[in-house]
PDB file of all heavy atoms in Angstrom:
ATOM      1  N   ALA A   1      -4.006   1.599   8.343  1.00  0.00           N
ATOM      2  CA  ALA A   1      -5.105   2.310   7.742  1.00  0.00           C
ATOM      3  C   ALA A   1      -6.177   1.418   7.148  1.00  0.00           C
ATOM      4  O   ALA A   1      -7.323   1.605   7.335  1.00  0.00           O
ATOM      5  CB  ALA A   1      -4.610   3.313   6.682  1.00  0.00           C
ATOM      6  N   LEU A   2      -5.701   0.323   6.528  1.00  0.00           N
ATOM      7  CA  LEU A   2      -6.629  -0.604   5.903  1.00  0.00           C
ATOM      8  C   LEU A   2      -7.436  -1.338   7.033  1.00  0.00           C
ATOM      9  O   LEU A   2      -8.745  -1.508   6.877  1.00  0.00           O
ATOM     10  CB  LEU A   2      -5.893  -1.690   5.112  1.00  0.00           C
ATOM     11  CG  LEU A   2      -6.737  -2.695   4.263  1.00  0.00           C
ATOM     12  CD1 LEU A   2      -7.600  -1.967   3.335  1.00  0.00           C
ATOM     13  CD2 LEU A   2      -5.714  -3.574   3.541  1.00  0.00           C
ATOM     14  N   GLU A   3      -6.800  -1.622   8.132  1.00  0.00           N
ATOM     15  CA  GLU A   3      -7.472  -2.329   9.178  1.00  0.00           C
ATOM     16  C   GLU A   3      -8.553  -1.487   9.849  1.00  0.00           C
ATOM     17  O   GLU A   3      -9.576  -1.975  10.261  1.00  0.00           O
ATOM     18  CB  GLU A   3      -6.444  -2.725  10.227  1.00  0.00           C
ATOM     19  CG  GLU A   3      -6.979  -3.529  11.481  1.00  0.00           C
ATOM     20  CD  GLU A   3      -5.972  -4.012  12.403  1.00  0.00           C
ATOM     21  OE1 GLU A   3      -4.800  -3.632  12.244  1.00  0.00           O
ATOM     22  OE2 GLU A   3      -6.305  -4.706  13.390  1.00  0.00           O
ATOM     23  N   ARG A   4      -8.308  -0.214   9.964  1.00  0.00           N
ATOM     24  CA  ARG A   4      -9.292   0.682  10.545  1.00  0.00           C
ATOM     25  C   ARG A   4     -10.363   1.294   9.522  1.00  0.00           C
ATOM     26  O   ARG A   4     -11.303   1.989   9.783  1.00  0.00           O
ATOM     27  CB  ARG A   4      -8.737   1.950  11.222  1.00  0.00           C
ATOM     28  CG  ARG A   4      -7.938   2.870  10.338  1.00  0.00           C
ATOM     29  CD  ARG A   4      -7.414   4.075  11.216  1.00  0.00           C
ATOM     30  NE  ARG A   4      -6.689   5.098  10.348  1.00  0.00           N
ATOM     31  CZ  ARG A   4      -5.361   5.062  10.128  1.00  0.00           C
ATOM     32  NH1 ARG A   4      -4.661   4.122  10.793  1.00  0.00           N
ATOM     33  NH2 ARG A   4      -4.808   5.939   9.366  1.00  0.00           N
ATOM     34  N   GLY A   5     -10.204   0.752   8.215  1.00  0.00           N
ATOM     35  CA  GLY A   5     -11.135   1.107   7.195  1.00  0.00           C
ATOM     36  C   GLY A   5     -10.943   2.462   6.557  1.00  0.00           C
ATOM     37  O   GLY A   5     -11.764   2.914   5.773  1.00  0.00           O
ATOM     38  N   ASP A   6      -9.695   3.039   6.759  1.00  0.00           N
ATOM     39  CA  ASP A   6      -9.460   4.326   6.044  1.00  0.00           C
ATOM     40  C   ASP A   6      -8.813   3.866   4.697  1.00  0.00           C
ATOM     41  O   ASP A   6      -7.579   3.933   4.525  1.00  0.00           O
ATOM     42  CB  ASP A   6      -8.455   5.056   6.899  1.00  0.00           C
ATOM     43  CG  ASP A   6      -8.114   6.439   6.314  1.00  0.00           C
ATOM     44  OD1 ASP A   6      -8.549   6.755   5.211  1.00  0.00           O
ATOM     45  OD2 ASP A   6      -7.392   7.217   7.005  1.00  0.00           O
ATOM     46  N   LEU A   7      -9.663   3.630   3.662  1.00  0.00           N
ATOM     47  CA  LEU A   7      -9.187   3.059   2.459  1.00  0.00           C
ATOM     48  C   LEU A   7      -8.427   4.055   1.637  1.00  0.00           C
ATOM     49  O   LEU A   7      -7.550   3.712   0.853  1.00  0.00           O
ATOM     50  CB  LEU A   7     -10.337   2.554   1.653  1.00  0.00           C
ATOM     51  CG  LEU A   7     -11.123   1.418   2.379  1.00  0.00           C
ATOM     52  CD1 LEU A   7     -12.239   0.827   1.418  1.00  0.00           C
ATOM     53  CD2 LEU A   7     -10.167   0.308   2.835  1.00  0.00           C
ATOM     54  N   ASP A   8      -8.803   5.432   1.689  1.00  0.00           N
ATOM     55  CA  ASP A   8      -8.056   6.363   0.945  1.00  0.00           C
ATOM     56  C   ASP A   8      -6.615   6.549   1.376  1.00  0.00           C
ATOM     57  O   ASP A   8      -5.733   6.547   0.595  1.00  0.00           O
ATOM     58  CB  ASP A   8      -8.765   7.769   1.072  1.00  0.00           C
ATOM     59  CG  ASP A   8     -10.124   7.873   0.311  1.00  0.00           C
ATOM     60  OD1 ASP A   8     -10.167   7.024  -0.658  1.00  0.00           O
ATOM     61  OD2 ASP A   8     -10.932   8.690   0.699  1.00  0.00           O
ATOM     62  N   SER A   9      -6.392   6.493   2.761  1.00  0.00           N
ATOM     63  CA  SER A   9      -5.044   6.554   3.310  1.00  0.00           C
ATOM     64  C   SER A   9      -4.351   5.236   2.959  1.00  0.00           C
ATOM     65  O   SER A   9      -3.148   5.326   2.577  1.00  0.00           O
ATOM     66  CB  SER A   9      -5.080   6.769   4.792  1.00  0.00           C
ATOM     67  OG  SER A   9      -5.577   8.033   5.115  1.00  0.00           O
ATOM     68  N   ALA A  10      -4.980   4.186   3.065  1.00  0.00           N
ATOM     69  CA  ALA A  10      -4.338   2.851   2.721  1.00  0.00           C
ATOM     70  C   ALA A  10      -3.878   2.873   1.286  1.00  0.00           C
ATOM     71  O   ALA A  10      -2.851   2.296   0.964  1.00  0.00           O
ATOM     72  CB  ALA A  10      -5.297   1.714   3.030  1.00  0.00           C
ATOM     73  N   SER A  11      -4.678   3.379   0.447  1.00  0.00           N
ATOM     74  CA  SER A  11      -4.421   3.408  -1.026  1.00  0.00           C
ATOM     75  C   SER A  11      -3.184   4.241  -1.248  1.00  0.00           C
ATOM     76  O   SER A  11      -2.217   3.903  -1.979  1.00  0.00           O
ATOM     77  CB  SER A  11      -5.581   3.908  -1.824  1.00  0.00           C
ATOM     78  OG  SER A  11      -5.274   3.816  -3.147  1.00  0.00           O
ATOM     79  N   MET A  12      -3.142   5.422  -0.670  1.00  0.00           N
ATOM     80  CA  MET A  12      -2.113   6.379  -0.805  1.00  0.00           C
ATOM     81  C   MET A  12      -0.775   5.781  -0.261  1.00  0.00           C
ATOM     82  O   MET A  12       0.332   5.807  -0.926  1.00  0.00           O
ATOM     83  CB  MET A  12      -2.344   7.730  -0.169  1.00  0.00           C
ATOM     84  CG  MET A  12      -1.226   8.807  -0.276  1.00  0.00           C
ATOM     85  SD  MET A  12      -1.637  10.209   0.679  1.00  0.00           S
ATOM     86  CE  MET A  12      -1.563   9.626   2.376  1.00  0.00           C
ATOM     87  N   LEU A  13      -0.845   5.266   0.898  1.00  0.00           N
ATOM     88  CA  LEU A  13       0.347   4.733   1.602  1.00  0.00           C
ATOM     89  C   LEU A  13       0.904   3.484   0.920  1.00  0.00           C
ATOM     90  O   LEU A  13       2.103   3.257   0.799  1.00  0.00           O
ATOM     91  CB  LEU A  13       0.065   4.472   3.081  1.00  0.00           C
ATOM     92  CG  LEU A  13      -0.088   5.726   4.007  1.00  0.00           C
ATOM     93  CD1 LEU A  13      -0.859   5.361   5.271  1.00  0.00           C
ATOM     94  CD2 LEU A  13       1.244   6.382   4.192  1.00  0.00           C
ATOM     95  N   SER A  14       0.026   2.583   0.508  1.00  0.00           N
ATOM     96  CA  SER A  14       0.459   1.370  -0.139  1.00  0.00           C
ATOM     97  C   SER A  14       1.095   1.711  -1.494  1.00  0.00           C
ATOM     98  O   SER A  14       2.108   1.090  -1.896  1.00  0.00           O
ATOM     99  CB  SER A  14      -0.697   0.386  -0.373  1.00  0.00           C
ATOM    100  OG  SER A  14      -1.699   0.951  -1.094  1.00  0.00           O
ATOM    101  N   ALA A  15       0.570   2.702  -2.213  1.00  0.00           N
ATOM    102  CA  ALA A  15       1.125   3.144  -3.490  1.00  0.00           C
ATOM    103  C   ALA A  15       2.575   3.730  -3.286  1.00  0.00           C
ATOM    104  O   ALA A  15       3.427   3.415  -4.082  1.00  0.00           O
ATOM    105  CB  ALA A  15       0.233   4.099  -4.197  1.00  0.00           C
ATOM    106  N   ALA A  16       2.699   4.515  -2.150  1.00  0.00           N
ATOM    107  CA  ALA A  16       3.982   5.023  -1.789  1.00  0.00           C
ATOM    108  C   ALA A  16       4.966   3.909  -1.473  1.00  0.00           C
ATOM    109  O   ALA A  16       6.128   4.024  -1.834  1.00  0.00           O
ATOM    110  CB  ALA A  16       3.845   6.022  -0.678  1.00  0.00           C
ATOM    111  N   ALA A  17       4.478   2.904  -0.785  1.00  0.00           N
ATOM    112  CA  ALA A  17       5.349   1.789  -0.387  1.00  0.00           C
ATOM    113  C   ALA A  17       5.906   1.070  -1.666  1.00  0.00           C
ATOM    114  O   ALA A  17       7.089   0.730  -1.738  1.00  0.00           O
ATOM    115  CB  ALA A  17       4.607   0.799   0.406  1.00  0.00           C
ATOM    116  N   LEU A  18       5.023   0.880  -2.621  1.00  0.00           N
ATOM    117  CA  LEU A  18       5.375   0.277  -3.812  1.00  0.00           C
ATOM    118  C   LEU A  18       6.330   1.107  -4.718  1.00  0.00           C
ATOM    119  O   LEU A  18       7.308   0.614  -5.339  1.00  0.00           O
ATOM    120  CB  LEU A  18       4.202  -0.022  -4.748  1.00  0.00           C
ATOM    121  CG  LEU A  18       4.359  -0.945  -5.948  1.00  0.00           C
ATOM    122  CD1 LEU A  18       5.019  -2.256  -5.621  1.00  0.00           C
ATOM    123  CD2 LEU A  18       3.178  -1.065  -6.689  1.00  0.00           C
ATOM    124  N   ARG A  19       6.165   2.444  -4.644  1.00  0.00           N
ATOM    125  CA  ARG A  19       7.115   3.327  -5.325  1.00  0.00           C
ATOM    126  C   ARG A  19       8.566   3.282  -4.725  1.00  0.00           C
ATOM    127  O   ARG A  19       9.582   3.316  -5.358  1.00  0.00           O
ATOM    128  CB  ARG A  19       6.679   4.776  -5.256  1.00  0.00           C
ATOM    129  CG  ARG A  19       5.488   5.068  -6.267  1.00  0.00           C
ATOM    130  CD  ARG A  19       5.283   6.568  -6.468  1.00  0.00           C
ATOM    131  NE  ARG A  19       4.910   7.201  -5.248  1.00  0.00           N
ATOM    132  CZ  ARG A  19       3.750   7.405  -4.744  1.00  0.00           C
ATOM    133  NH1 ARG A  19       2.673   6.869  -5.435  1.00  0.00           N
ATOM    134  NH2 ARG A  19       3.515   8.052  -3.649  1.00  0.00           N
ATOM    135  N   ALA A  20       8.578   3.142  -3.351  1.00  0.00           N
ATOM    136  CA  ALA A  20       9.837   3.070  -2.642  1.00  0.00           C
ATOM    137  C   ALA A  20      10.590   1.821  -2.968  1.00  0.00           C
ATOM    138  O   ALA A  20      11.806   1.674  -2.903  1.00  0.00           O
ATOM    139  CB  ALA A  20       9.597   3.214  -1.107  1.00  0.00           C
ATOM    140  N   ALA A  21       9.751   0.652  -3.156  1.00  0.00           N
ATOM    141  CA  ALA A  21      10.468  -0.672  -3.392  1.00  0.00           C
ATOM    142  C   ALA A  21       9.579  -1.365  -4.435  1.00  0.00           C
ATOM    143  O   ALA A  21       8.729  -2.193  -4.143  1.00  0.00           O
ATOM    144  CB  ALA A  21      10.543  -1.458  -2.140  1.00  0.00           C
ATOM    145  N   PRO A  22       9.761  -1.009  -5.743  1.00  0.00           N
ATOM    146  CA  PRO A  22       8.904  -1.639  -6.766  1.00  0.00           C
ATOM    147  C   PRO A  22       8.987  -3.260  -6.880  1.00  0.00           C
ATOM    148  O   PRO A  22       8.070  -3.828  -7.406  1.00  0.00           O
ATOM    149  CB  PRO A  22       9.418  -0.993  -8.045  1.00  0.00           C
ATOM    150  CG  PRO A  22      10.137   0.285  -7.618  1.00  0.00           C
ATOM    151  CD  PRO A  22      10.623  -0.085  -6.288  1.00  0.00           C
ATOM    152  N   ALA A  23      10.107  -3.732  -6.389  1.00  0.00           N
ATOM    153  CA  ALA A  23      10.299  -5.186  -6.410  1.00  0.00           C
ATOM    154  C   ALA A  23       9.886  -5.884  -5.217  1.00  0.00           C
ATOM    155  O   ALA A  23      10.046  -7.070  -5.012  1.00  0.00           O
ATOM    156  CB  ALA A  23      11.720  -5.475  -6.719  1.00  0.00           C
ATOM    157  N   ASP A  24       9.183  -5.164  -4.235  1.00  0.00           N
ATOM    158  CA  ASP A  24       8.822  -5.766  -2.969  1.00  0.00           C
ATOM    159  C   ASP A  24       7.404  -6.388  -3.173  1.00  0.00           C
ATOM    160  O   ASP A  24       6.394  -5.645  -3.329  1.00  0.00           O
ATOM    161  CB  ASP A  24       8.704  -4.653  -1.913  1.00  0.00           C
ATOM    162  CG  ASP A  24       8.284  -5.216  -0.575  1.00  0.00           C
ATOM    163  OD1 ASP A  24       8.089  -6.406  -0.416  1.00  0.00           O
ATOM    164  OD2 ASP A  24       8.237  -4.324   0.395  1.00  0.00           O
ATOM    165  N   PRO A  25       7.251  -7.736  -3.182  1.00  0.00           N
ATOM    166  CA  PRO A  25       5.892  -8.355  -3.364  1.00  0.00           C
ATOM    167  C   PRO A  25       4.943  -8.030  -2.221  1.00  0.00           C
ATOM    168  O   PRO A  25       3.748  -7.965  -2.540  1.00  0.00           O
ATOM    169  CB  PRO A  25       6.241  -9.791  -3.377  1.00  0.00           C
ATOM    170  CG  PRO A  25       7.602  -9.985  -2.673  1.00  0.00           C
ATOM    171  CD  PRO A  25       8.295  -8.735  -3.023  1.00  0.00           C
ATOM    172  N   ALA A  26       5.416  -7.753  -1.032  1.00  0.00           N
ATOM    173  CA  ALA A  26       4.510  -7.412   0.010  1.00  0.00           C
ATOM    174  C   ALA A  26       3.838  -6.046  -0.141  1.00  0.00           C
ATOM    175  O   ALA A  26       2.695  -5.856   0.113  1.00  0.00           O
ATOM    176  CB  ALA A  26       5.238  -7.448   1.363  1.00  0.00           C
ATOM    177  N   ALA A  27       4.676  -5.077  -0.730  1.00  0.00           N
ATOM    178  CA  ALA A  27       4.124  -3.801  -1.086  1.00  0.00           C
ATOM    179  C   ALA A  27       3.007  -3.934  -2.184  1.00  0.00           C
ATOM    180  O   ALA A  27       1.893  -3.333  -2.065  1.00  0.00           O
ATOM    181  CB  ALA A  27       5.124  -2.818  -1.477  1.00  0.00           C
ATOM    182  N   LEU A  28       3.240  -4.702  -3.139  1.00  0.00           N
ATOM    183  CA  LEU A  28       2.405  -4.873  -4.262  1.00  0.00           C
ATOM    184  C   LEU A  28       1.045  -5.612  -3.823  1.00  0.00           C
ATOM    185  O   LEU A  28      -0.057  -5.233  -4.086  1.00  0.00           O
ATOM    186  CB  LEU A  28       2.966  -5.784  -5.365  1.00  0.00           C
ATOM    187  CG  LEU A  28       2.191  -5.981  -6.616  1.00  0.00           C
ATOM    188  CD1 LEU A  28       1.728  -4.692  -7.198  1.00  0.00           C
ATOM    189  CD2 LEU A  28       2.946  -6.687  -7.670  1.00  0.00           C
ATOM    190  N   SER A  29       1.188  -6.561  -2.861  1.00  0.00           N
ATOM    191  CA  SER A  29      -0.031  -7.272  -2.386  1.00  0.00           C
ATOM    192  C   SER A  29      -0.822  -6.427  -1.513  1.00  0.00           C
ATOM    193  O   SER A  29      -2.050  -6.527  -1.451  1.00  0.00           O
ATOM    194  CB  SER A  29       0.431  -8.539  -1.573  1.00  0.00           C
ATOM    195  OG  SER A  29       0.974  -8.205  -0.307  1.00  0.00           O
ATOM    196  N   LEU A  30      -0.202  -5.387  -0.811  1.00  0.00           N
ATOM    197  CA  LEU A  30      -0.933  -4.430  -0.058  1.00  0.00           C
ATOM    198  C   LEU A  30      -1.721  -3.445  -1.028  1.00  0.00           C
ATOM    199  O   LEU A  30      -2.878  -3.134  -0.626  1.00  0.00           O
ATOM    200  CB  LEU A  30       0.007  -3.655   0.915  1.00  0.00           C
ATOM    201  CG  LEU A  30      -0.668  -2.802   1.972  1.00  0.00           C
ATOM    202  CD1 LEU A  30      -1.682  -3.650   2.799  1.00  0.00           C
ATOM    203  CD2 LEU A  30       0.444  -2.165   2.803  1.00  0.00           C
ATOM    204  N   VAL A  31      -1.167  -3.060  -2.089  1.00  0.00           N
ATOM    205  CA  VAL A  31      -1.862  -2.273  -3.141  1.00  0.00           C
ATOM    206  C   VAL A  31      -3.064  -3.072  -3.586  1.00  0.00           C
ATOM    207  O   VAL A  31      -4.157  -2.608  -3.680  1.00  0.00           O
ATOM    208  CB  VAL A  31      -0.874  -1.989  -4.248  1.00  0.00           C
ATOM    209  CG1 VAL A  31      -1.743  -1.424  -5.433  1.00  0.00           C
ATOM    210  CG2 VAL A  31       0.191  -0.910  -3.816  1.00  0.00           C
ATOM    211  N   ALA A  32      -2.829  -4.393  -3.872  1.00  0.00           N
ATOM    212  CA  ALA A  32      -3.934  -5.158  -4.403  1.00  0.00           C
ATOM    213  C   ALA A  32      -5.020  -5.390  -3.286  1.00  0.00           C
ATOM    214  O   ALA A  32      -6.210  -5.416  -3.668  1.00  0.00           O
ATOM    215  CB  ALA A  32      -3.288  -6.587  -4.832  1.00  0.00           C
TER     216      ALA A  32
END
């Protein structure tokens, strides 16, 4: 989603990824 410029979807999905694995640094960097 981020690559195609759909920032709203990217924001929602990256936040969900971080909720699924709060200790995953890759999920946090995607949120960032």
